Amino acid sequence: MADIAVFVDSRGGNTRKVADAIAEELGVRVGDLKDTLPADAKVLFLGSGTYGSAPGKEMTKFVTDNVFTGRKVALFGTSLAPVGAQKMIAVMEGALTGKGATVLGSYRCKGKFLLFNRGRPNTEDLENAKKFAREMIRAD
């Protein structure tokens, strides 16, 4: 699906697993944050780990450096605690809507950090990410 793009900022690999599940479900590859947005992408999936209730620096730069006017975006993230990802997604949503994007929805799940949340994201989390991807495409 050339009209869909997935981008992720993941330091520990948790959010990358979610991005890979979404990309697999939609039949696309995960893009590189150093690339510009594909001109033909109608729906963008943007995800980040949570770092101090905010997205990663690379995702923040990606949002700052690209044009989102008229774009539809689905957001996803992982965090040690659900409230952290909720806050991070709210930060991303504010930045993107401020740049003219329409946010279709969001998905978040726990991610492993040190000794906490071992095994997360798990199979159920990744299946829910795939379901989220299908729902966002139908919402478009």
N, C-alpha and C. Protein backbone atom coordinates (compact mmCIF):
# COMPACT_ATOMS: atom_id res chain seq x y z
N MET A 1 0.85 -1.19 0.00
CA MET A 1 0.00 0.00 0.00
C MET A 1 0.88 1.24 0.00
N ALA A 2 1.11 1.78 -1.16
CA ALA A 2 2.01 2.93 -1.30
C ALA A 2 1.45 4.19 -0.66
N ASP A 3 0.16 4.20 -0.37
CA ASP A 3 -0.42 5.40 0.20
C ASP A 3 -0.42 5.38 1.73
N ILE A 4 0.34 4.45 2.33
CA ILE A 4 0.47 4.34 3.79
C ILE A 4 1.94 4.33 4.13
N ALA A 5 2.30 5.05 5.21
CA ALA A 5 3.69 5.07 5.66
C ALA A 5 3.73 4.91 7.18
N VAL A 6 4.74 4.20 7.66
CA VAL A 6 4.94 3.97 9.09
C VAL A 6 6.33 4.47 9.46
N PHE A 7 6.39 5.29 10.52
CA PHE A 7 7.66 5.80 11.02
C PHE A 7 7.68 5.64 12.54
N VAL A 8 8.86 5.36 13.09
CA VAL A 8 8.96 5.11 14.53
C VAL A 8 10.29 5.63 15.09
N ASP A 9 10.23 6.06 16.34
CA ASP A 9 11.40 6.43 17.13
C ASP A 9 11.40 5.48 18.33
N SER A 10 12.35 4.54 18.34
CA SER A 10 12.36 3.51 19.37
C SER A 10 13.79 3.26 19.83
N ARG A 11 14.10 3.61 21.06
CA ARG A 11 15.45 3.40 21.58
C ARG A 11 15.67 1.97 22.07
N GLY A 12 14.67 1.44 22.78
CA GLY A 12 14.82 0.13 23.39
C GLY A 12 14.26 -1.02 22.58
N GLY A 13 13.57 -0.71 21.47
CA GLY A 13 13.03 -1.75 20.61
C GLY A 13 11.57 -2.08 20.85
N ASN A 14 10.98 -1.60 21.95
CA ASN A 14 9.58 -1.90 22.23
C ASN A 14 8.65 -1.32 21.17
N THR A 15 8.79 -0.05 20.91
CA THR A 15 7.90 0.61 19.96
C THR A 15 8.20 0.15 18.54
N ARG A 16 9.42 -0.25 18.28
CA ARG A 16 9.76 -0.81 16.97
C ARG A 16 8.98 -2.10 16.72
N LYS A 17 8.80 -2.91 17.75
CA LYS A 17 8.01 -4.13 17.60
C LYS A 17 6.58 -3.80 17.19
N VAL A 18 6.02 -2.77 17.80
CA VAL A 18 4.66 -2.34 17.47
C VAL A 18 4.63 -1.82 16.03
N ALA A 19 5.62 -1.02 15.66
CA ALA A 19 5.70 -0.49 14.28
C ALA A 19 5.82 -1.62 13.28
N ASP A 20 6.62 -2.62 13.59
CA ASP A 20 6.79 -3.76 12.67
C ASP A 20 5.47 -4.52 12.51
N ALA A 21 4.72 -4.68 13.60
CA ALA A 21 3.43 -5.37 13.52
C ALA A 21 2.45 -4.59 12.65
N ILE A 22 2.42 -3.27 12.83
CA ILE A 22 1.53 -2.41 12.02
C ILE A 22 1.94 -2.49 10.55
N ALA A 23 3.22 -2.34 10.29
CA ALA A 23 3.71 -2.38 8.90
C ALA A 23 3.42 -3.72 8.25
N GLU A 24 3.63 -4.81 8.98
CA GLU A 24 3.35 -6.14 8.45
C GLU A 24 1.86 -6.27 8.09
N GLU A 25 1.01 -5.80 8.98
CA GLU A 25 -0.43 -5.89 8.75
C GLU A 25 -0.85 -5.12 7.50
N LEU A 26 -0.18 -4.01 7.26
CA LEU A 26 -0.56 -3.13 6.14
C LEU A 26 0.26 -3.39 4.87
N GLY A 27 1.21 -4.29 4.95
CA GLY A 27 2.01 -4.64 3.77
C GLY A 27 2.97 -3.55 3.35
N VAL A 28 3.54 -2.82 4.33
CA VAL A 28 4.51 -1.77 4.03
C VAL A 28 5.76 -1.98 4.89
N ARG A 29 6.78 -1.20 4.61
CA ARG A 29 8.00 -1.21 5.42
C ARG A 29 7.97 -0.04 6.38
N VAL A 30 8.70 -0.16 7.48
CA VAL A 30 8.86 0.96 8.40
C VAL A 30 9.88 1.91 7.80
N GLY A 31 9.51 3.18 7.68
CA GLY A 31 10.39 4.18 7.09
C GLY A 31 11.46 4.67 8.04
N ASP A 32 12.42 5.35 7.49
CA ASP A 32 13.53 5.93 8.25
C ASP A 32 13.19 7.38 8.58
N LEU A 33 13.34 7.75 9.84
CA LEU A 33 13.02 9.12 10.26
C LEU A 33 13.92 10.17 9.60
N LYS A 34 15.00 9.75 8.98
CA LYS A 34 15.87 10.70 8.29
C LYS A 34 15.34 11.02 6.89
N ASP A 35 14.37 10.23 6.43
CA ASP A 35 13.76 10.47 5.12
C ASP A 35 12.64 11.50 5.23
N THR A 36 12.28 12.08 4.11
CA THR A 36 11.12 12.96 4.10
C THR A 36 9.86 12.13 3.89
N LEU A 37 8.74 12.71 4.18
CA LEU A 37 7.47 12.01 4.02
C LEU A 37 7.20 11.72 2.55
N PRO A 38 6.71 10.52 2.25
CA PRO A 38 6.35 10.23 0.87
C PRO A 38 5.17 11.11 0.44
N ALA A 39 5.28 11.71 -0.73
CA ALA A 39 4.25 12.64 -1.20
C ALA A 39 2.89 11.98 -1.36
N ASP A 40 2.88 10.67 -1.69
CA ASP A 40 1.62 9.99 -1.96
C ASP A 40 0.99 9.33 -0.74
N ALA A 41 1.63 9.43 0.44
CA ALA A 41 1.09 8.80 1.65
C ALA A 41 -0.14 9.54 2.15
N LYS A 42 -1.27 8.83 2.13
CA LYS A 42 -2.53 9.42 2.60
C LYS A 42 -2.70 9.24 4.10
N VAL A 43 -2.19 8.14 4.63
CA VAL A 43 -2.28 7.87 6.07
C VAL A 43 -0.88 7.57 6.59
N LEU A 44 -0.50 8.28 7.64
CA LEU A 44 0.80 8.09 8.28
C LEU A 44 0.60 7.49 9.66
N PHE A 45 1.38 6.48 9.97
CA PHE A 45 1.42 5.91 11.31
C PHE A 45 2.72 6.37 11.93
N LEU A 46 2.64 7.15 13.01
CA LEU A 46 3.82 7.68 13.68
C LEU A 46 3.85 7.17 15.11
N GLY A 47 4.98 6.59 15.51
CA GLY A 47 5.09 6.05 16.85
C GLY A 47 6.39 6.40 17.52
N SER A 48 6.33 6.41 18.85
CA SER A 48 7.52 6.72 19.63
C SER A 48 7.44 6.04 20.98
N GLY A 49 8.62 5.74 21.51
CA GLY A 49 8.70 5.39 22.91
C GLY A 49 8.44 6.65 23.71
N THR A 50 8.25 6.49 25.00
CA THR A 50 7.95 7.64 25.87
C THR A 50 9.19 7.98 26.68
N TYR A 51 9.61 9.22 26.58
CA TYR A 51 10.82 9.70 27.25
C TYR A 51 10.47 10.96 28.02
N GLY A 52 10.20 10.80 29.32
CA GLY A 52 9.79 11.95 30.13
C GLY A 52 8.45 12.49 29.68
N SER A 53 7.51 11.62 29.40
CA SER A 53 6.15 11.98 28.93
C SER A 53 6.15 12.68 27.58
N ALA A 54 7.21 12.52 26.82
CA ALA A 54 7.31 13.16 25.50
C ALA A 54 7.84 12.14 24.49
N PRO A 55 7.63 12.42 23.20
CA PRO A 55 8.21 11.55 22.18
C PRO A 55 9.73 11.69 22.14
N GLY A 56 10.38 10.75 21.48
CA GLY A 56 11.83 10.81 21.33
C GLY A 56 12.26 12.02 20.51
N LYS A 57 13.51 12.38 20.65
CA LYS A 57 14.06 13.56 19.97
C LYS A 57 13.99 13.41 18.44
N GLU A 58 14.23 12.20 17.93
CA GLU A 58 14.19 12.01 16.47
C GLU A 58 12.78 12.19 15.93
N MET A 59 11.76 11.70 16.67
CA MET A 59 10.38 11.88 16.23
C MET A 59 9.98 13.35 16.31
N THR A 60 10.41 14.01 17.37
CA THR A 60 10.10 15.44 17.51
C THR A 60 10.69 16.22 16.34
N LYS A 61 11.93 15.91 15.97
CA LYS A 61 12.56 16.58 14.83
C LYS A 61 11.83 16.25 13.54
N PHE A 62 11.42 15.00 13.37
CA PHE A 62 10.70 14.57 12.18
C PHE A 62 9.40 15.36 12.03
N VAL A 63 8.67 15.51 13.11
CA VAL A 63 7.42 16.28 13.07
C VAL A 63 7.71 17.74 12.78
N THR A 64 8.73 18.30 13.39
CA THR A 64 9.09 19.70 13.18
C THR A 64 9.53 19.96 11.74
N ASP A 65 10.28 19.03 11.16
CA ASP A 65 10.88 19.25 9.84
C ASP A 65 9.98 18.94 8.65
N ASN A 66 8.83 18.29 8.87
CA ASN A 66 7.98 17.89 7.75
C ASN A 66 6.67 18.66 7.71
N VAL A 67 6.03 18.63 6.56
CA VAL A 67 4.75 19.30 6.35
C VAL A 67 3.63 18.28 6.54
N PHE A 68 2.68 18.59 7.39
CA PHE A 68 1.58 17.68 7.68
C PHE A 68 0.22 18.25 7.30
N THR A 69 0.18 19.39 6.68
CA THR A 69 -1.08 20.00 6.28
C THR A 69 -1.86 19.03 5.40
N GLY A 70 -3.09 18.75 5.81
CA GLY A 70 -3.95 17.86 5.04
C GLY A 70 -3.65 16.38 5.20
N ARG A 71 -2.69 16.02 6.03
CA ARG A 71 -2.33 14.61 6.22
C ARG A 71 -3.19 13.98 7.32
N LYS A 72 -3.45 12.68 7.17
CA LYS A 72 -4.14 11.91 8.20
C LYS A 72 -3.09 11.07 8.92
N VAL A 73 -3.15 11.10 10.26
CA VAL A 73 -2.12 10.47 11.07
C VAL A 73 -2.75 9.58 12.14
N ALA A 74 -2.16 8.41 12.34
CA ALA A 74 -2.50 7.52 13.43
C ALA A 74 -1.27 7.42 14.33
N LEU A 75 -1.44 7.59 15.62
CA LEU A 75 -0.32 7.63 16.55
C LEU A 75 -0.25 6.37 17.40
N PHE A 76 0.96 5.95 17.75
CA PHE A 76 1.12 4.81 18.64
C PHE A 76 2.36 4.98 19.49
N GLY A 77 2.37 4.31 20.64
CA GLY A 77 3.51 4.42 21.52
C GLY A 77 3.52 3.37 22.60
N THR A 78 4.67 3.25 23.25
CA THR A 78 4.84 2.36 24.38
C THR A 78 5.41 3.15 25.54
N SER A 79 5.17 2.60 26.74
CA SER A 79 5.66 3.27 27.94
C SER A 79 5.68 2.27 29.09
N LEU A 80 6.46 2.56 30.10
CA LEU A 80 6.47 1.76 31.31
C LEU A 80 5.07 1.74 31.92
N ALA A 81 4.43 2.91 31.96
CA ALA A 81 3.08 3.03 32.52
C ALA A 81 2.16 3.63 31.46
N PRO A 82 0.90 3.19 31.41
CA PRO A 82 -0.02 3.69 30.38
C PRO A 82 -0.18 5.21 30.37
N VAL A 83 -0.13 5.84 31.52
CA VAL A 83 -0.31 7.29 31.57
C VAL A 83 0.84 8.01 30.85
N GLY A 84 2.03 7.45 30.89
CA GLY A 84 3.17 8.06 30.20
C GLY A 84 2.96 8.11 28.71
N ALA A 85 2.53 6.99 28.14
CA ALA A 85 2.26 6.94 26.69
C ALA A 85 1.10 7.84 26.33
N GLN A 86 0.11 7.92 27.20
CA GLN A 86 -1.04 8.79 26.94
C GLN A 86 -0.58 10.25 26.85
N LYS A 87 0.29 10.66 27.75
CA LYS A 87 0.81 12.03 27.73
C LYS A 87 1.67 12.27 26.49
N MET A 88 2.52 11.29 26.15
CA MET A 88 3.39 11.42 24.98
C MET A 88 2.56 11.57 23.72
N ILE A 89 1.52 10.74 23.59
CA ILE A 89 0.66 10.81 22.41
C ILE A 89 -0.05 12.15 22.35
N ALA A 90 -0.45 12.69 23.50
CA ALA A 90 -1.10 14.00 23.54
C ALA A 90 -0.14 15.09 23.04
N VAL A 91 1.14 14.98 23.40
CA VAL A 91 2.14 15.94 22.92
C VAL A 91 2.27 15.84 21.40
N MET A 92 2.36 14.62 20.88
CA MET A 92 2.47 14.44 19.43
C MET A 92 1.22 14.95 18.72
N GLU A 93 0.06 14.64 19.28
CA GLU A 93 -1.19 15.08 18.66
C GLU A 93 -1.25 16.61 18.59
N GLY A 94 -0.87 17.28 19.67
CA GLY A 94 -0.87 18.74 19.67
C GLY A 94 0.06 19.31 18.62
N ALA A 95 1.25 18.74 18.50
CA ALA A 95 2.22 19.22 17.51
C ALA A 95 1.71 18.99 16.10
N LEU A 96 1.12 17.83 15.85
CA LEU A 96 0.66 17.50 14.50
C LEU A 96 -0.58 18.30 14.10
N THR A 97 -1.54 18.44 15.00
CA THR A 97 -2.73 19.23 14.66
C THR A 97 -2.34 20.69 14.48
N GLY A 98 -1.34 21.13 15.22
CA GLY A 98 -0.83 22.49 15.03
C GLY A 98 -0.20 22.69 13.67
N LYS A 99 0.20 21.60 13.04
CA LYS A 99 0.79 21.65 11.70
C LYS A 99 -0.21 21.25 10.62
N GLY A 100 -1.51 21.18 10.98
CA GLY A 100 -2.54 20.94 9.99
C GLY A 100 -2.93 19.50 9.74
N ALA A 101 -2.43 18.56 10.55
CA ALA A 101 -2.77 17.14 10.38
C ALA A 101 -4.09 16.83 11.06
N THR A 102 -4.73 15.77 10.60
CA THR A 102 -5.91 15.21 11.26
C THR A 102 -5.49 13.91 11.91
N VAL A 103 -5.67 13.81 13.22
CA VAL A 103 -5.31 12.60 13.94
C VAL A 103 -6.51 11.68 13.96
N LEU A 104 -6.35 10.49 13.37
CA LEU A 104 -7.43 9.52 13.25
C LEU A 104 -7.66 8.74 14.55
N GLY A 105 -6.61 8.52 15.31
CA GLY A 105 -6.71 7.75 16.54
C GLY A 105 -5.34 7.41 17.07
N SER A 106 -5.33 6.66 18.18
CA SER A 106 -4.04 6.31 18.78
C SER A 106 -4.11 4.93 19.44
N TYR A 107 -2.95 4.34 19.61
CA TYR A 107 -2.80 3.05 20.26
C TYR A 107 -1.58 3.13 21.17
N ARG A 108 -1.71 2.56 22.35
CA ARG A 108 -0.57 2.52 23.26
C ARG A 108 -0.60 1.20 24.04
N CYS A 109 0.57 0.76 24.43
CA CYS A 109 0.69 -0.44 25.26
C CYS A 109 1.94 -0.30 26.12
N LYS A 110 2.06 -1.21 27.07
CA LYS A 110 3.23 -1.21 27.94
C LYS A 110 4.44 -1.68 27.16
N GLY A 111 5.58 -1.15 27.57
CA GLY A 111 6.85 -1.59 27.03
C GLY A 111 7.77 -1.99 28.16
N LYS A 112 8.68 -2.89 27.88
CA LYS A 112 9.64 -3.35 28.88
C LYS A 112 10.64 -2.24 29.17
N PHE A 113 10.95 -2.08 30.47
CA PHE A 113 11.99 -1.14 30.87
C PHE A 113 12.71 -1.74 32.07
N LEU A 114 14.00 -1.97 31.92
CA LEU A 114 14.81 -2.61 32.95
C LEU A 114 14.14 -3.92 33.38
N LEU A 115 13.74 -4.03 34.64
CA LEU A 115 13.12 -5.26 35.14
C LEU A 115 11.60 -5.20 35.09
N PHE A 116 11.04 -4.10 34.64
CA PHE A 116 9.60 -3.90 34.64
C PHE A 116 8.98 -4.30 33.30
N ASN A 117 7.77 -4.83 33.36
CA ASN A 117 6.99 -5.19 32.16
C ASN A 117 7.73 -6.16 31.25
N ARG A 118 8.42 -7.12 31.85
CA ARG A 118 9.13 -8.12 31.03
C ARG A 118 8.16 -8.80 30.09
N GLY A 119 8.61 -9.02 28.87
CA GLY A 119 7.78 -9.68 27.88
C GLY A 119 6.81 -8.76 27.16
N ARG A 120 6.88 -7.47 27.43
CA ARG A 120 5.99 -6.51 26.77
C ARG A 120 6.78 -5.72 25.75
N PRO A 121 6.22 -5.34 24.65
CA PRO A 121 4.88 -5.73 24.22
C PRO A 121 4.81 -7.22 23.92
N ASN A 122 3.69 -7.83 24.31
CA ASN A 122 3.52 -9.27 24.12
C ASN A 122 2.68 -9.55 22.88
N THR A 123 2.39 -10.82 22.64
CA THR A 123 1.62 -11.22 21.46
C THR A 123 0.28 -10.51 21.40
N GLU A 124 -0.39 -10.41 22.53
CA GLU A 124 -1.69 -9.73 22.55
C GLU A 124 -1.55 -8.25 22.19
N ASP A 125 -0.52 -7.59 22.72
CA ASP A 125 -0.27 -6.18 22.39
C ASP A 125 -0.07 -6.00 20.90
N LEU A 126 0.70 -6.90 20.29
CA LEU A 126 1.01 -6.79 18.86
C LEU A 126 -0.21 -7.11 18.00
N GLU A 127 -1.03 -8.05 18.43
CA GLU A 127 -2.28 -8.32 17.72
C GLU A 127 -3.22 -7.13 17.82
N ASN A 128 -3.24 -6.48 18.98
CA ASN A 128 -4.07 -5.27 19.14
C ASN A 128 -3.54 -4.13 18.27
N ALA A 129 -2.22 -4.06 18.09
CA ALA A 129 -1.64 -3.05 17.20
C ALA A 129 -2.08 -3.29 15.76
N LYS A 130 -2.12 -4.56 15.35
CA LYS A 130 -2.58 -4.89 13.99
C LYS A 130 -4.05 -4.53 13.81
N LYS A 131 -4.84 -4.80 14.83
CA LYS A 131 -6.27 -4.45 14.79
C LYS A 131 -6.42 -2.93 14.68
N PHE A 132 -5.62 -2.19 15.46
CA PHE A 132 -5.62 -0.73 15.40
C PHE A 132 -5.31 -0.26 13.98
N ALA A 133 -4.31 -0.87 13.35
CA ALA A 133 -3.93 -0.49 11.98
C ALA A 133 -5.10 -0.66 11.03
N ARG A 134 -5.78 -1.80 11.12
CA ARG A 134 -6.94 -2.05 10.24
C ARG A 134 -8.04 -1.03 10.49
N GLU A 135 -8.28 -0.71 11.75
CA GLU A 135 -9.33 0.27 12.10
C GLU A 135 -8.99 1.66 11.56
N MET A 136 -7.74 2.05 11.62
CA MET A 136 -7.34 3.37 11.15
C MET A 136 -7.48 3.48 9.64
N ILE A 137 -7.21 2.42 8.93
CA ILE A 137 -7.36 2.42 7.47
C ILE A 137 -8.85 2.52 7.11
N ARG A 138 -9.69 1.81 7.86
CA ARG A 138 -11.13 1.91 7.61
C ARG A 138 -11.66 3.29 7.97
N ALA A 139 -11.06 3.93 9.00
CA ALA A 139 -11.50 5.27 9.42
C ALA A 139 -11.17 6.32 8.37
N ASP A 140 -10.16 6.03 7.59
CA ASP A 140 -9.75 6.97 6.54
C ASP A 140 -10.84 6.98 5.49
